[in-house]
N, C-alpha and C. Protein backbone atom coordinates (compact mmCIF):
# COMPACT_ATOMS: atom_id res chain seq x y z
N VAL A 1 -79.89 -18.66 65.46
CA VAL A 1 -79.06 -18.65 66.55
C VAL A 1 -78.34 -17.63 66.72
N VAL A 2 -78.60 -16.62 67.70
CA VAL A 2 -78.18 -15.28 68.17
C VAL A 2 -77.03 -15.39 69.03
N MET A 3 -75.91 -14.78 69.06
CA MET A 3 -74.66 -14.81 70.04
C MET A 3 -74.26 -13.54 70.39
N ALA A 4 -73.86 -13.24 71.43
CA ALA A 4 -73.37 -11.79 71.69
C ALA A 4 -72.26 -11.98 72.59
N GLY A 5 -71.40 -10.86 72.88
CA GLY A 5 -70.27 -11.29 73.93
C GLY A 5 -69.22 -10.23 73.62
N ARG A 6 -68.35 -10.41 74.43
CA ARG A 6 -67.06 -9.75 74.80
C ARG A 6 -65.96 -10.53 74.66
N ALA A 7 -64.81 -9.79 73.78
CA ALA A 7 -63.63 -10.61 74.24
C ALA A 7 -62.49 -9.37 74.49
N LYS A 8 -61.47 -9.86 74.77
CA LYS A 8 -60.55 -8.87 75.21
C LYS A 8 -60.22 -7.46 73.96
N VAL A 9 -60.28 -7.94 72.88
CA VAL A 9 -60.21 -6.96 71.87
C VAL A 9 -61.44 -6.48 71.10
N LEU A 10 -62.33 -7.52 71.17
CA LEU A 10 -63.63 -7.47 70.29
C LEU A 10 -64.90 -7.49 70.90
N LYS A 11 -65.95 -6.71 70.78
CA LYS A 11 -67.05 -6.95 71.27
C LYS A 11 -68.02 -6.97 70.32
N GLY A 12 -69.25 -7.81 70.34
CA GLY A 12 -70.16 -7.87 69.37
C GLY A 12 -70.90 -8.72 69.08
N SER A 13 -71.62 -9.15 67.79
CA SER A 13 -72.60 -10.24 67.44
C SER A 13 -72.46 -11.22 66.74
N ALA A 14 -73.31 -12.28 66.76
CA ALA A 14 -73.66 -12.93 65.17
C ALA A 14 -74.55 -13.48 65.42
N GLU A 15 -75.03 -13.57 64.14
CA GLU A 15 -76.42 -14.30 63.84
C GLU A 15 -76.38 -15.33 62.78
N VAL A 16 -76.99 -16.61 63.13
CA VAL A 16 -76.89 -17.29 62.02
C VAL A 16 -78.49 -17.88 61.86
N ARG A 17 -78.83 -18.10 60.29
CA ARG A 17 -80.08 -18.36 60.06
C ARG A 17 -79.98 -19.63 58.99
N GLY A 18 -81.15 -20.24 58.63
CA GLY A 18 -81.34 -21.14 57.77
C GLY A 18 -82.54 -21.24 57.25
N PHE A 19 -82.99 -22.11 56.05
CA PHE A 19 -84.05 -22.22 55.53
C PHE A 19 -84.40 -23.08 54.59
N ILE A 20 -85.32 -23.71 54.44
CA ILE A 20 -85.54 -24.90 53.12
C ILE A 20 -87.14 -24.30 52.81
N SER A 21 -87.12 -24.25 51.68
CA SER A 21 -88.66 -24.03 50.98
C SER A 21 -88.52 -24.87 49.98
N SER A 22 -89.76 -25.39 49.59
CA SER A 22 -89.93 -26.32 48.45
C SER A 22 -91.60 -26.03 47.90
N ARG A 23 -91.33 -25.46 46.55
CA ARG A 23 -92.99 -24.62 45.82
C ARG A 23 -93.25 -25.72 44.90
N ASP A 24 -94.43 -25.61 44.64
CA ASP A 24 -95.14 -26.31 43.20
C ASP A 24 -95.39 -24.79 42.43
N ASP A 25 -95.38 -25.28 41.35
CA ASP A 25 -95.59 -24.11 40.33
C ASP A 25 -95.39 -22.64 40.26
N VAL A 26 -93.98 -22.55 40.19
CA VAL A 26 -93.11 -21.64 40.38
C VAL A 26 -92.83 -21.04 39.01
N ILE A 27 -92.73 -19.31 39.03
CA ILE A 27 -92.73 -18.72 38.01
C ILE A 27 -91.25 -18.14 38.20
N VAL A 28 -90.43 -18.34 37.03
CA VAL A 28 -89.00 -17.96 37.18
C VAL A 28 -89.04 -16.84 35.88
N VAL A 29 -87.93 -16.18 36.39
CA VAL A 29 -87.24 -14.95 35.27
C VAL A 29 -86.17 -15.86 34.55
N VAL A 30 -86.36 -15.35 33.00
CA VAL A 30 -85.57 -15.97 32.18
C VAL A 30 -84.90 -14.91 31.16
N ALA A 31 -83.74 -14.86 31.21
CA ALA A 31 -83.44 -14.24 29.75
C ALA A 31 -83.28 -14.86 28.67
N THR A 32 -83.67 -14.22 27.51
CA THR A 32 -84.00 -14.89 26.31
C THR A 32 -82.47 -14.32 25.53
N SER A 33 -82.10 -15.18 24.57
CA SER A 33 -80.99 -14.98 23.58
C SER A 33 -81.22 -13.63 22.75
N GLN A 34 -82.26 -13.04 22.60
CA GLN A 34 -82.71 -11.75 21.88
C GLN A 34 -82.88 -10.48 23.25
N ASP A 35 -81.89 -10.70 24.36
CA ASP A 35 -82.02 -9.85 25.27
C ASP A 35 -83.30 -9.58 25.71
N GLN A 36 -84.17 -10.26 25.99
CA GLN A 36 -85.20 -9.90 26.41
C GLN A 36 -85.52 -11.03 27.53
N ILE A 37 -86.76 -10.41 28.56
CA ILE A 37 -87.15 -11.44 29.72
C ILE A 37 -88.21 -11.70 29.44
N THR A 38 -88.32 -13.18 29.72
CA THR A 38 -89.52 -14.13 29.70
C THR A 38 -89.79 -14.57 31.19
N PHE A 39 -91.11 -15.03 31.44
CA PHE A 39 -91.34 -15.54 32.56
C PHE A 39 -91.79 -17.25 32.17
N ARG A 40 -91.19 -17.83 32.88
CA ARG A 40 -91.46 -18.99 32.69
C ARG A 40 -92.02 -19.88 33.96
N ASN A 41 -93.10 -21.00 33.83
CA ASN A 41 -93.90 -21.64 34.82
C ASN A 41 -92.71 -22.73 35.02
N GLU A 42 -92.23 -23.32 36.16
CA GLU A 42 -91.46 -24.47 36.54
C GLU A 42 -92.92 -25.44 37.43
N ASP A 43 -92.72 -26.77 37.23
CA ASP A 43 -93.64 -27.39 37.87
C ASP A 43 -93.37 -27.56 39.47
N SER A 44 -91.93 -27.80 39.62
CA SER A 44 -91.68 -27.30 41.46
C SER A 44 -90.05 -26.63 41.40
N ALA A 45 -89.99 -26.53 42.51
CA ALA A 45 -88.43 -26.22 42.81
C ALA A 45 -88.41 -25.96 44.46
N LYS A 46 -87.00 -26.00 44.77
CA LYS A 46 -86.54 -26.34 46.29
C LYS A 46 -85.19 -25.40 46.36
N THR A 47 -85.35 -24.71 47.59
CA THR A 47 -84.56 -23.66 48.12
C THR A 47 -83.85 -23.55 49.21
N TRP A 48 -82.54 -24.14 49.34
CA TRP A 48 -82.14 -23.68 50.94
C TRP A 48 -81.18 -22.62 50.86
N GLY A 49 -81.15 -22.18 51.91
CA GLY A 49 -80.39 -21.19 52.26
C GLY A 49 -79.77 -20.93 53.80
N ALA A 50 -78.96 -20.03 53.63
CA ALA A 50 -78.05 -19.75 55.33
C ALA A 50 -77.71 -18.23 55.16
N GLU A 51 -77.84 -17.83 56.27
CA GLU A 51 -77.37 -16.34 56.08
C GLU A 51 -76.59 -16.43 57.54
N ALA A 52 -76.01 -15.26 57.58
CA ALA A 52 -74.76 -14.98 58.51
C ALA A 52 -74.42 -13.33 58.88
N ARG A 53 -74.63 -13.09 59.92
CA ARG A 53 -74.34 -11.59 60.27
C ARG A 53 -73.38 -11.41 61.50
N PHE A 54 -72.44 -10.75 61.19
CA PHE A 54 -71.36 -10.70 62.31
C PHE A 54 -71.54 -9.02 62.21
N ALA A 55 -71.34 -8.31 63.51
CA ALA A 55 -71.23 -7.27 63.95
C ALA A 55 -70.46 -6.95 64.96
N GLY A 56 -69.68 -5.91 65.09
CA GLY A 56 -69.06 -5.62 66.34
C GLY A 56 -68.31 -4.25 66.51
N GLU A 57 -67.44 -3.98 67.68
CA GLU A 57 -66.52 -2.96 67.74
C GLU A 57 -65.20 -3.41 68.24
N ILE A 58 -64.11 -3.05 67.41
CA ILE A 58 -62.93 -3.81 67.52
C ILE A 58 -62.37 -2.40 68.91
N THR A 59 -62.31 -1.64 68.24
CA THR A 59 -62.12 -0.40 69.55
C THR A 59 -63.14 0.59 69.50
N PRO A 60 -63.23 1.64 70.18
CA PRO A 60 -64.73 2.54 70.40
C PRO A 60 -64.53 3.45 69.13
N HIS A 61 -63.51 3.31 68.55
CA HIS A 61 -63.20 4.12 67.20
C HIS A 61 -63.53 3.44 65.75
N LEU A 62 -63.56 1.91 66.01
CA LEU A 62 -63.55 0.99 64.92
C LEU A 62 -64.40 -0.05 64.77
N THR A 63 -65.62 0.27 64.09
CA THR A 63 -66.55 -0.66 64.17
C THR A 63 -66.79 -1.69 62.50
N PHE A 64 -67.16 -2.97 62.63
CA PHE A 64 -67.16 -3.55 61.80
C PHE A 64 -68.81 -4.25 61.58
N ALA A 65 -69.20 -4.58 60.11
CA ALA A 65 -70.72 -5.52 60.27
C ALA A 65 -70.13 -6.24 58.77
N SER A 66 -70.95 -7.32 58.76
CA SER A 66 -70.39 -8.51 57.30
C SER A 66 -71.85 -9.11 57.36
N THR A 67 -72.29 -9.47 56.67
CA THR A 67 -73.37 -10.50 56.34
C THR A 67 -72.85 -11.27 54.88
N LEU A 68 -73.34 -12.69 55.13
CA LEU A 68 -73.01 -13.60 54.24
C LEU A 68 -74.40 -14.30 53.82
N THR A 69 -74.74 -14.43 52.61
CA THR A 69 -76.04 -15.07 52.29
C THR A 69 -75.44 -16.34 51.27
N GLY A 70 -75.86 -17.58 51.44
CA GLY A 70 -75.75 -18.67 50.80
C GLY A 70 -77.15 -19.22 50.17
N LEU A 71 -77.16 -19.19 49.01
CA LEU A 71 -78.57 -19.66 48.30
C LEU A 71 -78.35 -20.73 47.35
N LEU A 72 -78.96 -22.10 47.44
CA LEU A 72 -79.07 -23.09 46.63
C LEU A 72 -80.31 -23.44 45.99
N THR A 73 -80.56 -23.43 44.78
CA THR A 73 -81.92 -23.32 44.28
C THR A 73 -81.88 -24.38 43.40
N ARG A 74 -83.16 -25.09 42.90
CA ARG A 74 -82.96 -26.29 41.90
C ARG A 74 -84.31 -26.55 41.25
N ASP A 75 -84.22 -26.72 40.08
CA ASP A 75 -85.91 -26.72 39.82
C ASP A 75 -85.97 -28.48 39.54
N GLN A 76 -87.13 -29.16 38.85
CA GLN A 76 -87.26 -30.46 39.25
C GLN A 76 -86.38 -31.40 38.61
N ASN A 77 -85.51 -30.69 37.72
CA ASN A 77 -84.68 -31.38 36.77
C ASN A 77 -83.08 -31.59 37.59
N GLY A 78 -83.19 -30.81 38.65
CA GLY A 78 -81.60 -30.46 39.36
C GLY A 78 -81.02 -29.50 39.05
N LYS A 79 -81.27 -28.45 38.10
CA LYS A 79 -81.05 -27.47 37.50
C LYS A 79 -81.01 -26.25 38.45
N GLN A 80 -79.98 -25.29 38.58
CA GLN A 80 -79.85 -24.16 39.35
C GLN A 80 -80.80 -23.37 38.75
N LEU A 81 -82.02 -22.90 39.26
CA LEU A 81 -83.18 -21.66 38.69
C LEU A 81 -82.07 -20.90 38.27
N PRO A 82 -82.64 -20.00 37.23
CA PRO A 82 -82.18 -18.73 36.48
C PRO A 82 -82.56 -17.80 37.27
N SER A 83 -81.47 -16.58 37.24
CA SER A 83 -81.42 -15.23 37.66
C SER A 83 -81.30 -15.42 39.50
N PHE A 84 -81.01 -16.54 40.02
CA PHE A 84 -80.57 -16.15 41.24
C PHE A 84 -78.79 -16.67 41.45
N THR A 85 -78.35 -15.68 42.16
CA THR A 85 -76.89 -15.87 43.02
C THR A 85 -76.95 -16.84 43.98
N PRO A 86 -75.87 -17.76 43.88
CA PRO A 86 -75.73 -18.40 45.02
C PRO A 86 -75.00 -17.87 46.01
N PHE A 87 -74.41 -17.05 46.02
CA PHE A 87 -73.78 -16.69 47.06
C PHE A 87 -73.49 -14.83 46.95
N THR A 88 -73.83 -14.02 48.59
CA THR A 88 -73.54 -12.69 48.22
C THR A 88 -72.77 -12.46 49.58
N THR A 89 -72.10 -11.28 49.92
CA THR A 89 -71.40 -10.87 51.00
C THR A 89 -71.42 -9.29 51.00
N LEU A 90 -71.32 -8.63 51.98
CA LEU A 90 -71.18 -7.43 52.10
C LEU A 90 -70.32 -7.25 53.73
N THR A 91 -69.27 -6.64 53.81
CA THR A 91 -68.38 -6.62 54.64
C THR A 91 -68.20 -4.66 54.66
N ARG A 92 -68.07 -4.24 55.69
CA ARG A 92 -68.10 -2.74 55.83
C ARG A 92 -67.24 -2.70 57.49
N PHE A 93 -66.41 -1.80 56.82
CA PHE A 93 -65.32 -1.13 58.38
C PHE A 93 -65.64 0.46 58.56
N GLU A 94 -65.81 0.78 59.80
CA GLU A 94 -65.97 2.23 59.80
C GLU A 94 -64.73 2.91 61.06
N GLY A 95 -64.38 4.17 60.50
CA GLY A 95 -63.58 4.55 61.70
C GLY A 95 -64.39 5.56 61.89
N HIS A 96 -64.24 6.05 63.48
CA HIS A 96 -65.49 6.87 64.37
C HIS A 96 -64.57 7.54 64.78
N THR A 97 -64.52 9.26 64.79
CA THR A 97 -64.11 10.38 65.62
C THR A 97 -64.90 10.26 66.76
N ARG A 98 -66.15 10.29 66.85
CA ARG A 98 -67.01 10.32 67.98
C ARG A 98 -66.91 12.06 67.89
N LYS A 99 -67.22 12.34 69.36
CA LYS A 99 -67.92 13.78 69.62
C LYS A 99 -66.42 14.94 69.34
N LEU A 100 -66.50 15.63 68.26
CA LEU A 100 -65.61 16.82 67.96
C LEU A 100 -66.27 18.09 68.52
N GLY A 101 -65.88 18.71 69.44
CA GLY A 101 -66.35 19.98 69.68
C GLY A 101 -67.75 19.91 69.79
N ASN A 102 -68.06 21.16 69.64
CA ASN A 102 -69.80 21.12 69.82
C ASN A 102 -70.58 20.93 68.68
N GLN A 103 -70.25 21.13 67.65
CA GLN A 103 -70.86 21.10 66.72
C GLN A 103 -70.80 19.45 65.96
N VAL A 104 -69.89 18.93 66.13
CA VAL A 104 -69.72 17.76 65.59
C VAL A 104 -70.02 16.31 65.91
N ASP A 105 -70.93 15.79 66.02
CA ASP A 105 -71.00 14.37 66.66
C ASP A 105 -70.45 13.17 66.29
N ASP A 106 -69.86 12.93 65.14
CA ASP A 106 -69.27 11.95 64.72
C ASP A 106 -68.88 12.22 63.10
N LEU A 107 -67.56 12.13 62.95
CA LEU A 107 -67.11 12.25 61.88
C LEU A 107 -66.58 10.40 61.42
N VAL A 108 -66.95 10.14 60.46
CA VAL A 108 -66.94 8.65 60.23
C VAL A 108 -66.54 8.52 58.62
N ALA A 109 -65.51 7.35 58.47
CA ALA A 109 -64.96 7.28 57.29
C ALA A 109 -65.03 5.62 57.28
N PHE A 110 -65.33 5.40 55.86
CA PHE A 110 -65.80 3.88 56.04
C PHE A 110 -65.19 3.28 54.41
N ALA A 111 -65.50 1.81 54.66
CA ALA A 111 -64.55 1.19 53.21
C ALA A 111 -65.59 -0.25 53.60
N GLN A 112 -66.27 -0.54 51.96
CA GLN A 112 -67.19 -1.05 52.16
C GLN A 112 -66.94 -2.23 51.17
N LEU A 113 -67.19 -3.69 50.86
CA LEU A 113 -66.84 -4.47 50.13
C LEU A 113 -68.11 -5.37 49.68
N TYR A 114 -68.53 -5.51 48.70
CA TYR A 114 -69.68 -6.06 48.04
C TYR A 114 -69.26 -7.13 47.38
N TYR A 115 -69.68 -8.51 47.25
CA TYR A 115 -69.56 -9.74 46.48
C TYR A 115 -70.82 -10.62 46.22
N ARG A 116 -71.25 -10.60 44.77
CA ARG A 116 -72.41 -11.56 44.24
C ARG A 116 -71.60 -12.25 43.45
N ALA A 117 -71.65 -13.72 43.69
CA ALA A 117 -71.20 -14.70 42.90
C ALA A 117 -72.08 -14.66 41.69
N GLY A 118 -71.42 -15.00 40.50
CA GLY A 118 -72.13 -15.46 39.19
C GLY A 118 -73.36 -16.32 39.46
N GLY A 119 -73.99 -16.71 38.30
CA GLY A 119 -75.08 -17.91 38.34
C GLY A 119 -75.22 -17.71 36.60
N TYR A 120 -76.36 -18.14 36.58
CA TYR A 120 -77.19 -18.35 35.02
C TYR A 120 -78.24 -17.63 34.91
N THR A 121 -78.35 -17.23 33.62
CA THR A 121 -79.75 -16.44 33.21
C THR A 121 -80.99 -17.39 32.61
N ASP A 122 -80.43 -18.54 32.14
CA ASP A 122 -81.36 -19.62 31.52
C ASP A 122 -81.30 -20.77 31.98
N LEU A 123 -82.38 -21.34 32.00
CA LEU A 123 -82.87 -22.79 32.53
C LEU A 123 -82.00 -24.25 32.16
N ALA A 124 -81.36 -24.03 31.06
CA ALA A 124 -80.44 -25.07 30.92
C ALA A 124 -79.18 -25.15 31.58
N ASN A 125 -78.91 -23.43 32.04
CA ASN A 125 -77.67 -23.30 32.83
C ASN A 125 -76.38 -23.40 31.62
N LEU A 126 -76.79 -22.74 30.81
CA LEU A 126 -75.76 -22.54 29.63
C LEU A 126 -75.28 -21.15 29.51
N THR A 127 -75.76 -20.36 30.10
CA THR A 127 -75.73 -18.57 29.74
C THR A 127 -75.67 -18.20 31.49
N PRO A 128 -74.06 -18.00 31.48
CA PRO A 128 -73.81 -17.56 32.85
C PRO A 128 -73.95 -15.90 32.96
N PHE A 129 -73.96 -15.05 34.24
CA PHE A 129 -73.81 -13.97 34.35
C PHE A 129 -72.38 -14.20 35.51
N PRO A 130 -71.70 -12.93 35.59
CA PRO A 130 -70.60 -12.84 36.22
C PRO A 130 -70.29 -12.39 37.61
N ASP A 131 -69.58 -12.83 37.90
CA ASP A 131 -69.31 -12.28 39.37
C ASP A 131 -69.10 -10.83 39.40
N TYR A 132 -69.35 -10.08 40.75
CA TYR A 132 -69.90 -8.55 40.75
C TYR A 132 -69.31 -8.09 42.24
N THR A 133 -67.91 -7.52 42.13
CA THR A 133 -67.33 -7.08 43.32
C THR A 133 -66.95 -5.59 43.59
N PRO A 134 -67.97 -4.58 43.58
CA PRO A 134 -67.82 -3.23 43.89
C PRO A 134 -66.98 -2.70 45.09
N PHE A 135 -66.10 -2.17 45.34
CA PHE A 135 -65.72 -1.44 46.43
C PHE A 135 -65.95 -0.10 46.55
N THR A 136 -66.33 0.07 47.86
CA THR A 136 -67.28 1.63 48.19
C THR A 136 -66.28 2.21 49.29
N VAL A 137 -65.75 3.33 49.15
CA VAL A 137 -65.38 4.20 50.44
C VAL A 137 -66.29 5.55 50.14
N GLY A 138 -66.16 6.03 51.59
CA GLY A 138 -66.50 7.46 51.61
C GLY A 138 -66.35 7.97 53.28
N VAL A 139 -66.86 9.01 53.29
CA VAL A 139 -66.97 9.85 54.48
C VAL A 139 -68.55 10.41 55.15
N TYR A 140 -68.80 10.73 56.32
CA TYR A 140 -69.72 11.22 56.38
C TYR A 140 -69.73 12.11 57.83
N ALA A 141 -70.41 13.28 58.26
CA ALA A 141 -70.35 13.84 59.24
C ALA A 141 -71.66 14.10 60.17
N LEU A 142 -72.07 13.59 61.13
CA LEU A 142 -73.01 13.99 61.71
C LEU A 142 -73.01 15.30 62.64
N MET A 143 -74.01 16.23 62.53
CA MET A 143 -73.61 17.50 63.21
C MET A 143 -74.86 17.99 63.87
N PHE A 144 -74.60 18.84 65.05
CA PHE A 144 -75.82 19.59 65.55
C PHE A 144 -77.01 18.85 66.15
N ASP A 145 -76.66 17.86 67.13
CA ASP A 145 -77.04 16.59 67.56
C ASP A 145 -77.76 16.18 66.64
N GLN A 146 -77.04 15.25 65.46
CA GLN A 146 -77.37 14.43 64.47
C GLN A 146 -78.43 14.92 63.56
N ARG A 147 -78.98 16.11 63.49
CA ARG A 147 -79.84 16.77 62.72
C ARG A 147 -79.24 17.05 61.23
N LEU A 148 -77.88 17.36 61.06
CA LEU A 148 -77.51 17.60 59.59
C LEU A 148 -76.45 16.67 59.67
N TRP A 149 -76.26 15.76 58.34
CA TRP A 149 -75.84 14.95 57.96
C TRP A 149 -75.00 15.40 56.55
N VAL A 150 -73.61 15.06 56.52
CA VAL A 150 -73.04 15.53 55.36
C VAL A 150 -72.28 14.15 54.76
N ALA A 151 -72.63 13.87 53.59
CA ALA A 151 -71.65 12.76 52.95
C ALA A 151 -71.50 12.70 51.68
N PHE A 152 -70.15 12.16 51.53
CA PHE A 152 -69.57 12.11 50.24
C PHE A 152 -68.97 10.48 50.05
N THR A 153 -69.60 9.78 49.11
CA THR A 153 -69.36 8.39 48.69
C THR A 153 -69.07 8.19 47.46
N ALA A 154 -67.81 7.14 47.49
CA ALA A 154 -67.48 7.16 45.86
C ALA A 154 -67.44 5.39 45.96
N ARG A 155 -68.66 5.05 44.79
CA ARG A 155 -69.08 3.91 44.89
C ARG A 155 -68.30 3.00 43.72
N ASN A 156 -67.93 1.76 43.88
CA ASN A 156 -67.63 1.00 42.49
C ASN A 156 -66.10 1.56 42.29
N VAL A 157 -65.11 1.92 43.49
CA VAL A 157 -63.96 2.63 42.63
C VAL A 157 -63.03 1.84 42.07
N ASN A 158 -63.16 0.56 42.31
CA ASN A 158 -62.56 -0.49 41.59
C ASN A 158 -62.77 -0.64 39.92
N ASP A 159 -64.12 0.10 39.77
CA ASP A 159 -64.70 0.14 38.31
C ASP A 159 -65.07 -1.26 37.95
N ASP A 160 -65.72 -1.90 38.58
CA ASP A 160 -66.03 -3.31 38.19
C ASP A 160 -67.08 -3.32 37.00
N ARG A 161 -66.70 -3.55 35.86
CA ARG A 161 -67.97 -3.18 34.79
C ARG A 161 -68.41 -4.85 34.45
N SER A 162 -69.62 -5.03 35.32
CA SER A 162 -70.25 -5.98 35.36
C SER A 162 -71.63 -5.73 34.80
N PHE A 163 -72.24 -7.06 34.88
CA PHE A 163 -73.96 -7.03 34.56
C PHE A 163 -74.75 -7.43 35.36
N ASP A 164 -76.03 -7.26 35.43
CA ASP A 164 -76.84 -7.98 36.64
C ASP A 164 -77.33 -8.79 36.13
N VAL A 165 -78.05 -9.84 36.99
CA VAL A 165 -78.84 -11.11 36.55
C VAL A 165 -79.59 -11.34 35.30
N LEU A 166 -79.78 -9.85 34.63
CA LEU A 166 -80.88 -10.25 33.36
C LEU A 166 -80.10 -9.68 32.35
N GLY A 167 -78.59 -9.25 32.38
CA GLY A 167 -77.60 -8.77 31.26
C GLY A 167 -77.62 -7.42 31.23
N TYR A 168 -78.03 -6.67 32.16
CA TYR A 168 -78.01 -5.45 31.93
C TYR A 168 -76.56 -4.61 32.52
N PRO A 169 -75.97 -3.78 31.86
CA PRO A 169 -74.82 -3.31 32.45
C PRO A 169 -74.94 -2.54 33.98
N LEU A 170 -74.19 -2.73 34.71
CA LEU A 170 -74.03 -2.47 36.20
C LEU A 170 -73.50 -0.82 36.33
N PRO A 171 -73.69 0.20 37.08
CA PRO A 171 -72.78 1.45 36.96
C PRO A 171 -71.55 1.11 36.86
N GLY A 172 -70.86 2.10 36.70
CA GLY A 172 -69.07 1.71 36.77
C GLY A 172 -69.08 2.35 38.12
N ARG A 173 -67.53 3.03 38.14
CA ARG A 173 -67.28 4.11 39.50
C ARG A 173 -68.23 5.25 38.98
N ASN A 174 -68.77 5.91 40.60
CA ASN A 174 -69.53 6.80 40.56
C ASN A 174 -69.38 7.60 42.18
N TYR A 175 -70.03 8.88 42.25
CA TYR A 175 -69.65 9.64 43.11
C TYR A 175 -71.03 10.48 43.46
N ALA A 176 -71.18 10.07 44.71
CA ALA A 176 -72.46 11.10 45.57
C ALA A 176 -71.80 11.81 46.66
N PHE A 177 -72.38 12.81 46.74
CA PHE A 177 -72.55 13.90 47.67
C PHE A 177 -73.96 14.19 48.42
N SER A 178 -73.97 14.31 49.41
CA SER A 178 -75.53 14.41 49.94
C SER A 178 -75.50 15.25 51.36
N ILE A 179 -76.45 16.06 51.57
CA ILE A 179 -76.71 16.70 52.56
C ILE A 179 -78.34 16.58 53.01
N SER A 180 -78.41 16.20 54.45
CA SER A 180 -79.82 15.84 54.79
C SER A 180 -80.06 16.60 55.89
N TYR A 181 -81.12 17.21 56.53
CA TYR A 181 -81.31 18.05 57.43
C TYR A 181 -82.54 17.54 58.30
N ARG A 182 -82.86 17.16 59.36
CA ARG A 182 -83.91 16.63 60.08
C ARG A 182 -84.33 17.56 60.95
N TYR A 183 -85.51 18.13 60.75
CA TYR A 183 -86.04 19.21 61.83
C TYR A 183 -86.90 18.43 62.65
N ARG A 184 -86.65 19.05 64.06
CA ARG A 184 -87.38 18.14 65.29
C ARG A 184 -88.39 18.99 65.47
N PHE A 185 -89.76 18.95 65.49
CA PHE A 185 -90.50 19.80 66.11
C PHE A 185 -90.81 19.51 67.62
N THR A 186 -90.95 20.59 68.48
CA THR A 186 -91.55 20.42 70.01
C THR A 186 -92.71 21.01 70.16
N GLY A 187 -93.48 20.20 70.74
CA GLY A 187 -94.66 20.59 71.01
C GLY A 187 -94.74 21.25 72.46
N HIS A 188 -96.33 21.63 72.36
CA HIS A 188 -96.76 22.37 73.97
C HIS A 188 -97.15 21.81 74.62
């Protein structure tokens, strides 16, 4: 189902999808107590999922996008499959200047929040992995007919010290600066 429209304040779109999957002879990734990874065969597994995406423009200078994913996984015994997270979401707001003079096509500041719900690393659902919620902010400039892109990003500014689904630590607060230039060839 896809919807698009305009309200007095908001212009945007929404998409909703769902799926069901039933599989036999499934290979799953399992973390062991010795901090190693093994692959296990399961007789069968079922997965139910739902996804939603919302995007829009609140004003010509303020945009947003958000995605939500829910996942319900079960093995033949009704246990949650290991290494699957039941819910994730990503929401991003951007403030745009649009055209600034002759060289700057857009100057953008953004804030982004990601959330990954915890789950289990083992088949018995006894060893959980934690939720993860990094907050990211940044600014970027598009210049010279969008050929030059200069960006600064501060990821995980809240310094969420979490682990991935297999128990390995995820990066803490980190910063990135990048410059990209796209050269356009003109043919004869």
